[in-house]
Amino acid sequence: MFIYGKMGAHAISVMSYLAGSLGRRVSTAEISSARKLSLPLTAKLLTQLAAAKMVEGRPGPSGGYILARPPEDIRLLDIVELFGQTGPTDLCPFGPGWCGYGDPCPLHDKISTLLDDHSKFMRENTLAEFVGKPLGPPPALNFRPQEG
């Protein structure tokens, strides 16, 4: 479980593909196909990432996108911050207005630890984790029920 929205997750997906493709320009269509994202969504994400100077794009037949900075300089947190919520959410199982307004709920300390761990994970992990890793979707499983 990660505590950020779909756009942040999709942006990490796009950026991880670019990190895995280090050294070559990649088209929007290639990323879209490999990451199973719609072409318009992929284009929108790349436009926002380019505006934030995380990727560089070049039009034309020899064009495409590359990371604008070394992968070890782009934290996962840097990416998701562009696309929405990165701060703590109200995960109290008792509902809004419980924790912080009197005695905490029974899970308060565990939830606080979870949020702290998540924040640390997002700050400490970079796109370098994806360099040299598989780019495409996992192979389809050829499952056949056993006869019998």
Protein backbone atom coordinates (compact mmCIF):
# COMPACT_ATOMS: atom_id res chain seq x y z
CA MET A 1 0.00 0.00 0.00
CA PHE A 2 1.35 3.39 -0.97
CA ILE A 3 -0.10 6.66 0.13
CA TYR A 4 -0.32 8.64 -3.08
CA GLY A 5 -2.81 8.88 -5.91
CA LYS A 6 -3.19 7.16 -9.26
CA MET A 7 -1.52 9.97 -11.17
CA GLY A 8 1.55 9.70 -8.94
CA ALA A 9 1.61 5.93 -9.46
CA HIS A 10 1.31 6.33 -13.23
CA ALA A 11 4.05 8.98 -13.23
CA ILE A 12 6.39 6.60 -11.38
CA SER A 13 5.51 3.96 -13.96
CA VAL A 14 6.45 6.29 -16.83
CA MET A 15 9.64 7.47 -15.13
CA SER A 16 10.71 3.94 -14.22
CA TYR A 17 10.41 2.99 -17.90
CA LEU A 18 12.67 5.89 -18.86
CA ALA A 19 15.16 4.89 -16.16
CA GLY A 20 15.15 1.34 -17.50
CA SER A 21 15.74 2.72 -21.00
CA LEU A 22 18.69 4.85 -19.93
CA GLY A 23 20.78 5.99 -22.88
CA ARG A 24 18.06 5.97 -25.54
CA ARG A 25 15.12 8.17 -26.43
CA VAL A 26 11.73 6.55 -25.97
CA SER A 27 8.47 7.47 -27.68
CA THR A 28 5.24 8.21 -25.87
CA ALA A 29 3.64 5.29 -27.72
CA GLU A 30 6.33 2.85 -26.54
CA ILE A 31 5.92 3.88 -22.91
CA SER A 32 2.14 3.78 -23.21
CA SER A 33 2.19 0.27 -24.64
CA ALA A 34 4.79 -1.12 -22.24
CA ARG A 35 3.15 0.30 -19.13
CA LYS A 36 -0.44 -0.36 -20.25
CA LEU A 37 -1.42 3.32 -19.97
CA SER A 38 -3.55 5.22 -22.45
CA LEU A 39 -1.64 7.31 -24.98
CA PRO A 40 -3.31 10.60 -23.89
CA LEU A 41 -2.53 9.93 -20.21
CA THR A 42 1.10 9.07 -21.00
CA ALA A 43 1.43 12.24 -23.08
CA LYS A 44 -0.10 14.35 -20.30
CA LEU A 45 2.26 12.88 -17.71
CA LEU A 46 5.31 13.42 -19.91
CA THR A 47 4.27 17.02 -20.57
CA GLN A 48 4.04 17.72 -16.83
CA LEU A 49 7.31 15.90 -16.14
CA ALA A 50 9.01 17.94 -18.89
CA ALA A 51 7.66 21.19 -17.42
CA ALA A 52 9.19 20.13 -14.08
CA LYS A 53 12.51 19.46 -15.88
CA MET A 54 12.51 15.78 -14.97
CA VAL A 55 12.40 14.63 -18.59
CA GLU A 56 13.51 16.11 -21.89
CA GLY A 57 11.51 15.57 -25.04
CA ARG A 58 12.46 15.94 -28.67
CA PRO A 59 9.94 15.80 -31.54
CA GLY A 60 10.42 13.98 -34.81
CA PRO A 61 11.57 10.59 -36.07
CA SER A 62 14.71 10.59 -33.92
CA GLY A 63 12.85 12.15 -31.03
CA GLY A 64 11.38 10.83 -27.84
CA TYR A 65 11.93 11.27 -24.14
CA ILE A 66 14.89 10.77 -21.83
CA LEU A 67 15.48 11.57 -18.17
CA ALA A 68 16.69 15.15 -17.72
CA ARG A 69 18.77 14.26 -14.67
CA PRO A 70 20.67 11.18 -13.53
CA PRO A 71 18.26 8.57 -12.13
CA GLU A 72 19.94 8.65 -8.72
CA ASP A 73 19.00 12.35 -8.49
CA ILE A 74 15.26 11.79 -8.95
CA ARG A 75 13.51 10.57 -5.82
CA LEU A 76 10.14 8.85 -5.97
CA LEU A 77 8.88 11.66 -3.75
CA ASP A 78 9.96 14.25 -6.35
CA ILE A 79 7.75 12.52 -8.90
CA VAL A 80 4.59 12.07 -6.84
CA GLU A 81 4.78 15.61 -5.46
CA LEU A 82 3.98 16.84 -8.97
CA PHE A 83 0.75 14.88 -9.10
CA GLY A 84 -1.05 15.35 -5.83
CA GLN A 85 -1.19 14.24 -2.28
CA THR A 86 2.05 13.27 -0.59
CA GLY A 87 1.30 14.32 2.95
CA PRO A 88 -0.38 12.34 5.68
CA THR A 89 -3.95 11.28 5.14
CA ASP A 90 -6.57 10.54 7.72
CA LEU A 91 -6.21 6.78 8.00
CA CYS A 92 -7.90 6.54 11.39
CA PRO A 93 -10.24 3.52 11.35
CA PHE A 94 -12.63 5.42 13.63
CA GLY A 95 -13.12 8.07 10.94
CA PRO A 96 -12.27 11.75 10.62
CA GLY A 97 -12.04 13.85 13.71
CA TRP A 98 -10.94 11.10 16.10
CA CYS A 99 -7.15 11.00 16.29
CA GLY A 100 -5.73 14.38 17.18
CA TYR A 101 -8.89 15.46 18.99
CA GLY A 102 -8.56 13.63 22.27
CA ASP A 103 -7.45 10.10 23.01
CA PRO A 104 -6.01 8.42 19.92
CA CYS A 105 -7.61 5.35 18.41
CA PRO A 106 -6.13 1.91 19.23
CA LEU A 107 -4.19 1.82 15.92
CA HIS A 108 -2.85 5.38 16.08
CA ASP A 109 0.77 4.49 16.86
CA LYS A 110 0.89 1.75 14.21
CA ILE A 111 -0.61 4.06 11.58
CA SER A 112 1.88 6.78 12.51
CA THR A 113 4.72 4.30 12.06
CA LEU A 114 3.32 3.26 8.68
CA LEU A 115 3.15 6.88 7.51
CA ASP A 116 6.69 7.56 8.73
CA ASP A 117 8.00 4.45 6.96
CA HIS A 118 6.22 5.42 3.76
CA SER A 119 7.63 8.93 3.87
CA LYS A 120 11.15 7.58 4.41
CA PHE A 121 10.71 5.10 1.54
CA MET A 122 9.63 7.85 -0.87
CA ARG A 123 12.51 10.15 0.19
CA GLU A 124 15.22 7.49 0.08
CA ASN A 125 14.39 5.59 -3.12
CA THR A 126 15.30 6.97 -6.51
CA LEU A 127 14.90 6.01 -10.14
CA ALA A 128 18.32 4.33 -9.90
CA GLU A 129 16.39 1.32 -8.56
CA PHE A 130 14.98 0.77 -12.06
CA VAL A 131 18.12 1.06 -14.17
CA GLY A 132 18.78 -2.20 -16.00
CA LYS A 133 15.50 -3.78 -14.90
CA PRO A 134 12.86 -5.32 -17.19
CA LEU A 135 10.91 -2.70 -19.11
CA GLY A 136 7.80 -4.48 -20.25
CA PRO A 137 4.87 -6.11 -18.55
CA PRO A 138 5.34 -9.55 -17.04
CA PRO A 139 4.85 -12.40 -19.49
CA ALA A 140 1.35 -13.81 -19.69
CA LEU A 141 0.92 -16.97 -17.73
CA ASN A 142 -0.14 -19.98 -19.76
CA PHE A 143 -2.27 -21.62 -17.13
CA ARG A 144 -4.06 -24.82 -18.01
CA PRO A 145 -6.19 -26.57 -15.43
CA GLN A 146 -5.09 -30.09 -14.71
CA GLU A 147 -7.30 -32.73 -16.12
CA GLY A 148 -8.37 -35.28 -13.85
